[in-house]
C-alpha atoms as a PDB file:
ATOM      1  CA  MET A   1       0.004   0.001   0.024  1.00  0.00           C
ATOM      2  CA  PRO A   2       2.872   2.540   0.648  1.00  0.00           C
ATOM      3  CA  ALA A   3       3.913   2.157  -2.869  1.00  0.00           C
ATOM      4  CA  PHE A   4       0.455   2.724  -4.217  1.00  0.00           C
ATOM      5  CA  ALA A   5       0.151   5.870  -2.091  1.00  0.00           C
ATOM      6  CA  ALA A   6       3.376   7.182  -3.380  1.00  0.00           C
ATOM      7  CA  PHE A   7       2.396   6.433  -6.906  1.00  0.00           C
ATOM      8  CA  LEU A   8      -0.984   8.189  -6.572  1.00  0.00           C
ATOM      9  CA  HIS A   9       0.837  11.140  -4.995  1.00  0.00           C
ATOM     10  CA  PHE A  10       3.244  11.475  -7.815  1.00  0.00           C
ATOM     11  CA  LEU A  11       0.673  10.919 -10.551  1.00  0.00           C
ATOM     12  CA  ALA A  12      -1.590  13.665  -9.139  1.00  0.00           C
ATOM     13  CA  ALA A  13       1.378  16.029  -8.728  1.00  0.00           C
ATOM     14  CA  PHE A  14       2.348  15.491 -12.330  1.00  0.00           C
ATOM     15  CA  VAL A  15      -1.390  16.070 -13.419  1.00  0.00           C
ATOM     16  CA  LEU A  16      -1.496  19.118 -11.317  1.00  0.00           C
ATOM     17  CA  PHE A  17       1.533  20.672 -12.955  1.00  0.00           C
ATOM     18  CA  ALA A  18       0.332  19.685 -16.506  1.00  0.00           C
ATOM     19  CA  THR A  19      -3.027  21.255 -15.913  1.00  0.00           C
ATOM     20  CA  LEU A  20      -1.283  24.589 -14.933  1.00  0.00           C
ATOM     21  CA  ALA A  21       0.753  24.433 -18.193  1.00  0.00           C
ATOM     22  CA  VAL A  22      -2.503  23.721 -20.180  1.00  0.00           C
ATOM     23  CA  GLU A  23      -4.173  26.648 -18.450  1.00  0.00           C
ATOM     24  CA  ILE A  24      -1.227  28.993 -19.329  1.00  0.00           C
ATOM     25  CA  VAL A  25      -1.726  27.924 -23.063  1.00  0.00           C
ATOM     26  CA  LEU A  26      -5.518  28.305 -22.998  1.00  0.00           C
ATOM     27  CA  THR A  27      -5.753  31.641 -21.503  1.00  0.00           C
ATOM     28  CA  ARG A  28      -3.792  33.288 -24.257  1.00  0.00           C
ATOM     29  CA  PRO A  29      -5.892  36.206 -25.614  1.00  0.00           C
ATOM     30  CA  PRO A  30      -8.150  36.563 -27.301  1.00  0.00           C
ATOM     31  CA  LEU A  31     -10.306  33.992 -25.451  1.00  0.00           C
ATOM     32  CA  GLU A  32     -12.249  31.796 -27.729  1.00  0.00           C
ATOM     33  CA  LEU A  33     -15.385  29.614 -27.091  1.00  0.00           C
ATOM     34  CA  ALA A  34     -13.606  26.275 -27.517  1.00  0.00           C
ATOM     35  CA  ARG A  35     -10.679  27.320 -25.228  1.00  0.00           C
ATOM     36  CA  ALA A  36     -13.024  28.719 -22.644  1.00  0.00           C
ATOM     37  CA  LYS A  37     -14.953  25.348 -22.545  1.00  0.00           C
ATOM     38  CA  ARG A  38     -11.643  23.561 -22.179  1.00  0.00           C
ATOM     39  CA  LEU A  39     -10.494  25.968 -19.388  1.00  0.00           C
ATOM     40  CA  VAL A  40     -13.402  25.054 -17.094  1.00  0.00           C
ATOM     41  CA  VAL A  41     -12.716  21.352 -17.474  1.00  0.00           C
ATOM     42  CA  VAL A  42      -8.993  21.674 -17.047  1.00  0.00           C
ATOM     43  CA  ASP A  43      -9.524  23.842 -13.970  1.00  0.00           C
ATOM     44  CA  MET A  44     -11.785  21.095 -12.431  1.00  0.00           C
ATOM     45  CA  THR A  45      -9.112  18.539 -13.234  1.00  0.00           C
ATOM     46  CA  TYR A  46      -6.636  20.783 -11.598  1.00  0.00           C
ATOM     47  CA  GLY A  47      -8.723  20.828  -8.417  1.00  0.00           C
ATOM     48  CA  LEU A  48      -9.163  17.193  -8.232  1.00  0.00           C
ATOM     49  CA  ALA A  49      -5.438  16.613  -8.862  1.00  0.00           C
ATOM     50  CA  ALA A  50      -4.716  19.099  -5.965  1.00  0.00           C
ATOM     51  CA  LEU A  51      -7.124  17.342  -3.622  1.00  0.00           C
ATOM     52  CA  THR A  52      -5.577  13.951  -4.605  1.00  0.00           C
ATOM     53  CA  VAL A  53      -1.988  15.309  -3.861  1.00  0.00           C
ATOM     54  CA  LEU A  54      -3.170  16.577  -0.503  1.00  0.00           C
ATOM     55  CA  LEU A  55      -5.008  13.309   0.565  1.00  0.00           C
ATOM     56  CA  ALA A  56      -2.294  10.931  -0.848  1.00  0.00           C
ATOM     57  CA  GLY A  57       0.433  13.124   0.709  1.00  0.00           C
ATOM     58  CA  PHE A  58      -1.145  13.202   4.097  1.00  0.00           C
ATOM     59  CA  ALA A  59      -1.884   9.472   3.872  1.00  0.00           C
ATOM     60  CA  ARG A  60       1.826   8.960   3.260  1.00  0.00           C
ATOM     61  CA  VAL A  61       2.796  11.156   6.181  1.00  0.00           C
ATOM     62  CA  LEU A  62       0.254   9.635   8.688  1.00  0.00           C
ATOM     63  CA  TRP A  63       0.356   5.926   7.750  1.00  0.00           C
ATOM     64  CA  TYR A  64       2.837   4.837   5.204  1.00  0.00           C
ATOM     65  CA  GLU A  65       6.235   6.586   5.578  1.00  0.00           C
ATOM     66  CA  LYS A  66       8.373   7.858   8.479  1.00  0.00           C
ATOM     67  CA  GLY A  67       5.303   9.273  10.378  1.00  0.00           C
ATOM     68  CA  PRO A  68       4.251  12.743  11.456  1.00  0.00           C
ATOM     69  CA  ALA A  69       6.940  12.983  14.176  1.00  0.00           C
ATOM     70  CA  TYR A  70       9.549  12.924  11.605  1.00  0.00           C
ATOM     71  CA  TYR A  71       7.943  15.094   8.937  1.00  0.00           C
ATOM     72  CA  PHE A  72       6.973  17.861  11.358  1.00  0.00           C
ATOM     73  CA  HIS A  73      10.636  18.330  12.229  1.00  0.00           C
ATOM     74  CA  ASP A  74      11.649  18.560   8.575  1.00  0.00           C
ATOM     75  CA  VAL A  75      12.015  22.158   7.361  1.00  0.00           C
ATOM     76  CA  PRO A  76      11.575  21.426   3.632  1.00  0.00           C
ATOM     77  CA  PHE A  77       8.301  19.448   4.485  1.00  0.00           C
ATOM     78  CA  ILE A  78       6.923  22.419   6.519  1.00  0.00           C
ATOM     79  CA  VAL A  79       7.925  24.914   3.576  1.00  0.00           C
ATOM     80  CA  LYS A  80       6.307  22.398   1.052  1.00  0.00           C
ATOM     81  CA  ILE A  81       3.117  22.480   2.892  1.00  0.00           C
ATOM     82  CA  ALA A  82       3.113  26.279   3.257  1.00  0.00           C
ATOM     83  CA  LEU A  83       3.859  26.593  -0.422  1.00  0.00           C
ATOM     84  CA  PHE A  84       0.987  24.081  -1.282  1.00  0.00           C
ATOM     85  CA  ALA A  85      -1.291  26.235   0.778  1.00  0.00           C
ATOM     86  CA  ALA A  86      -0.198  29.252  -0.936  1.00  0.00           C
ATOM     87  CA  VAL A  87      -0.778  27.730  -4.281  1.00  0.00           C
ATOM     88  CA  GLY A  88      -4.268  26.644  -3.048  1.00  0.00           C
ATOM     89  CA  LEU A  89      -5.088  30.158  -2.032  1.00  0.00           C
ATOM     90  CA  ILE A  90      -4.013  31.981  -5.020  1.00  0.00           C
ATOM     91  CA  SER A  91      -5.697  29.472  -7.377  1.00  0.00           C
ATOM     92  CA  ILE A  92      -8.999  30.748  -6.015  1.00  0.00           C
ATOM     93  CA  TYR A  93      -8.691  33.783  -8.323  1.00  0.00           C
ATOM     94  CA  PRO A  94      -8.574  31.880 -11.677  1.00  0.00           C
ATOM     95  CA  THR A  95     -11.034  29.278 -10.435  1.00  0.00           C
ATOM     96  CA  ILE A  96     -13.654  31.899  -9.670  1.00  0.00           C
ATOM     97  CA  ALA A  97     -13.044  33.626 -12.999  1.00  0.00           C
ATOM     98  CA  PHE A  98     -13.483  30.300 -14.788  1.00  0.00           C
ATOM     99  CA  ALA A  99     -16.576  29.439 -12.873  1.00  0.00           C
ATOM    100  CA  ARG A 100     -18.133  32.750 -13.712  1.00  0.00           C
ATOM    101  CA  MET A 101     -17.724  31.900 -17.395  1.00  0.00           C
ATOM    102  CA  ARG A 102     -20.077  28.902 -17.113  1.00  0.00           C
ATOM    103  CA  PRO A 103     -23.351  30.856 -17.827  1.00  0.00           C
ATOM    104  CA  ALA A 104     -22.013  32.225 -21.038  1.00  0.00           C
ATOM    105  CA  LEU A 105     -20.655  28.794 -22.017  1.00  0.00           C
ATOM    106  CA  ARG A 106     -24.080  27.227 -21.498  1.00  0.00           C
ATOM    107  CA  ARG A 107     -25.624  29.795 -23.800  1.00  0.00           C
ATOM    108  CA  GLY A 108     -22.812  28.977 -26.346  1.00  0.00           C
ATOM    109  CA  GLU A 109     -21.370  32.429 -26.047  1.00  0.00           C
ATOM    110  CA  VAL A 110     -17.730  33.403 -25.649  1.00  0.00           C
ATOM    111  CA  PRO A 111     -17.287  34.608 -21.995  1.00  0.00           C
ATOM    112  CA  THR A 112     -16.340  38.267 -21.801  1.00  0.00           C
ATOM    113  CA  ILE A 113     -13.181  38.738 -19.811  1.00  0.00           C
ATOM    114  CA  ASP A 114     -11.241  41.950 -20.430  1.00  0.00           C
ATOM    115  CA  ALA A 115      -7.611  41.663 -21.612  1.00  0.00           C
ATOM    116  CA  ALA A 116      -6.246  43.051 -18.253  1.00  0.00           C
ATOM    117  CA  LYS A 117      -8.116  40.536 -16.151  1.00  0.00           C
ATOM    118  CA  LEU A 118      -7.047  37.727 -18.528  1.00  0.00           C
ATOM    119  CA  LYS A 119      -3.442  38.920 -18.268  1.00  0.00           C
ATOM    120  CA  ARG A 120      -3.744  38.875 -14.380  1.00  0.00           C
ATOM    121  CA  ILE A 121      -5.196  35.257 -14.475  1.00  0.00           C
ATOM    122  CA  ARG A 122      -2.315  34.140 -16.672  1.00  0.00           C
ATOM    123  CA  LEU A 123       0.186  35.845 -14.213  1.00  0.00           C
ATOM    124  CA  VAL A 124      -1.484  33.977 -11.219  1.00  0.00           C
ATOM    125  CA  ILE A 125      -1.157  30.792 -13.020  1.00  0.00           C
ATOM    126  CA  HIS A 126       2.439  31.446 -13.964  1.00  0.00           C
ATOM    127  CA  VAL A 127       3.007  32.123 -10.055  1.00  0.00           C
ATOM    128  CA  GLU A 128       1.328  29.003  -9.238  1.00  0.00           C
ATOM    129  CA  ALA A 129       3.414  26.900 -11.566  1.00  0.00           C
ATOM    130  CA  THR A 130       6.533  28.533 -10.115  1.00  0.00           C
ATOM    131  CA  LEU A 131       5.411  27.683  -6.613  1.00  0.00           C
ATOM    132  CA  VAL A 132       4.853  24.102  -7.590  1.00  0.00           C
ATOM    133  CA  VAL A 133       8.468  23.917  -8.857  1.00  0.00           C
ATOM    134  CA  ALA A 134       9.567  25.130  -5.400  1.00  0.00           C
ATOM    135  CA  ILE A 135       7.478  22.458  -3.863  1.00  0.00           C
ATOM    136  CA  ILE A 136       9.276  19.927  -6.000  1.00  0.00           C
ATOM    137  CA  LEU A 137      12.598  21.329  -4.829  1.00  0.00           C
ATOM    138  CA  CYS A 138      11.390  20.812  -1.164  1.00  0.00           C
ATOM    139  CA  ALA A 139      10.528  17.244  -1.949  1.00  0.00           C
ATOM    140  CA  SER A 140      13.948  16.556  -3.374  1.00  0.00           C
ATOM    141  CA  LEU A 141      15.566  18.059  -0.200  1.00  0.00           C
ATOM    142  CA  MET A 142      13.309  15.988   1.861  1.00  0.00           C
ATOM    143  CA  ALA A 143      14.267  12.815   0.106  1.00  0.00           C
ATOM    144  CA  HIS A 144      17.851  13.516   0.715  1.00  0.00           C
ATOM    145  CA  GLY A 145      17.453  14.371   4.429  1.00  0.00           C
ATOM    146  CA  ILE A 146      18.373  17.940   3.967  1.00  0.00           C
ATOM    147  CA  GLY A 147      16.685  20.180   6.564  1.00  0.00           C
ATOM    148  CA  TYR A 148      15.670  17.676   9.087  1.00  0.00           C
ATOM    149  CA  VAL A 149      16.034  19.177  12.588  1.00  0.00           C
ATOM    150  CA  GLY A 150      14.423  16.470  14.714  1.00  0.00           C
ATOM    151  CA  PRO A 151      15.850  14.516  17.510  1.00  0.00           C
END
């Protein structure tokens, strides 16, 4: 079971990063109907991947790996969790924007998002992707025992 939890955790993390890359591509102006429809689906996939990363990651911490006593004394783990929370919080902005597009999409219309807002959404997604790269760095540091300050 620990190997399956690790696999699920890694797979979800790869899907999460891939969805961010797809969102960056799909938010290029001007926004078109087909891309707007894909954005809504990709953002839902992103949310499911993030939830899976969180659940599988905490399952690994609590039941399958070294245990919470170890991880809560590991600086890269704590930074990793803080970064994950930051990514989750800033992802609210694009998710709300994409959710607000749904009524227009149901009518078969191109959602109206002004160029400045679309640019901000793209910037937020770029920041999310950058923070995910920092999370990967923290995971590598953890795997090599760098930053552990426990007993």
